């Protein structure tokens, strides 16, 4: 009887460990995907910013809209989401800050990154 109870506990602990491991692996994949998307957006911004002003305006903003529709179809109003100070120009820092907020919603998990390590959210 004692052996059966110990086996049940062992299997339960093992299942919990496996579940935690799978969640951890999922978090690593999502974190990597988020960082890759941010790098891609940063590179895209640089490619679009033809005058190297650090700001997208006019036709540059139109190009960004077309690209973002493909990559982030849930974002309907690019200016509203990415022009944080409302001046009609999308600055690189605005894109990256807003990108963090959007991607955090897309890539949510049970873990958070602290000091370069993944920890279970409390």
Foldseek 3Di string as FASTA:
>chain_A
DVVVVVVVVVVVVVVVVVVVVVLVVLLVVLVVVLVVVLVVVLVLLVVLPVVPPQKAADVSVVVVVVVCCVVPVVDDDCCVQQVVVPPRIGGSVSNNVSSVVVSCVVRPGQWDADPNDIDGDD
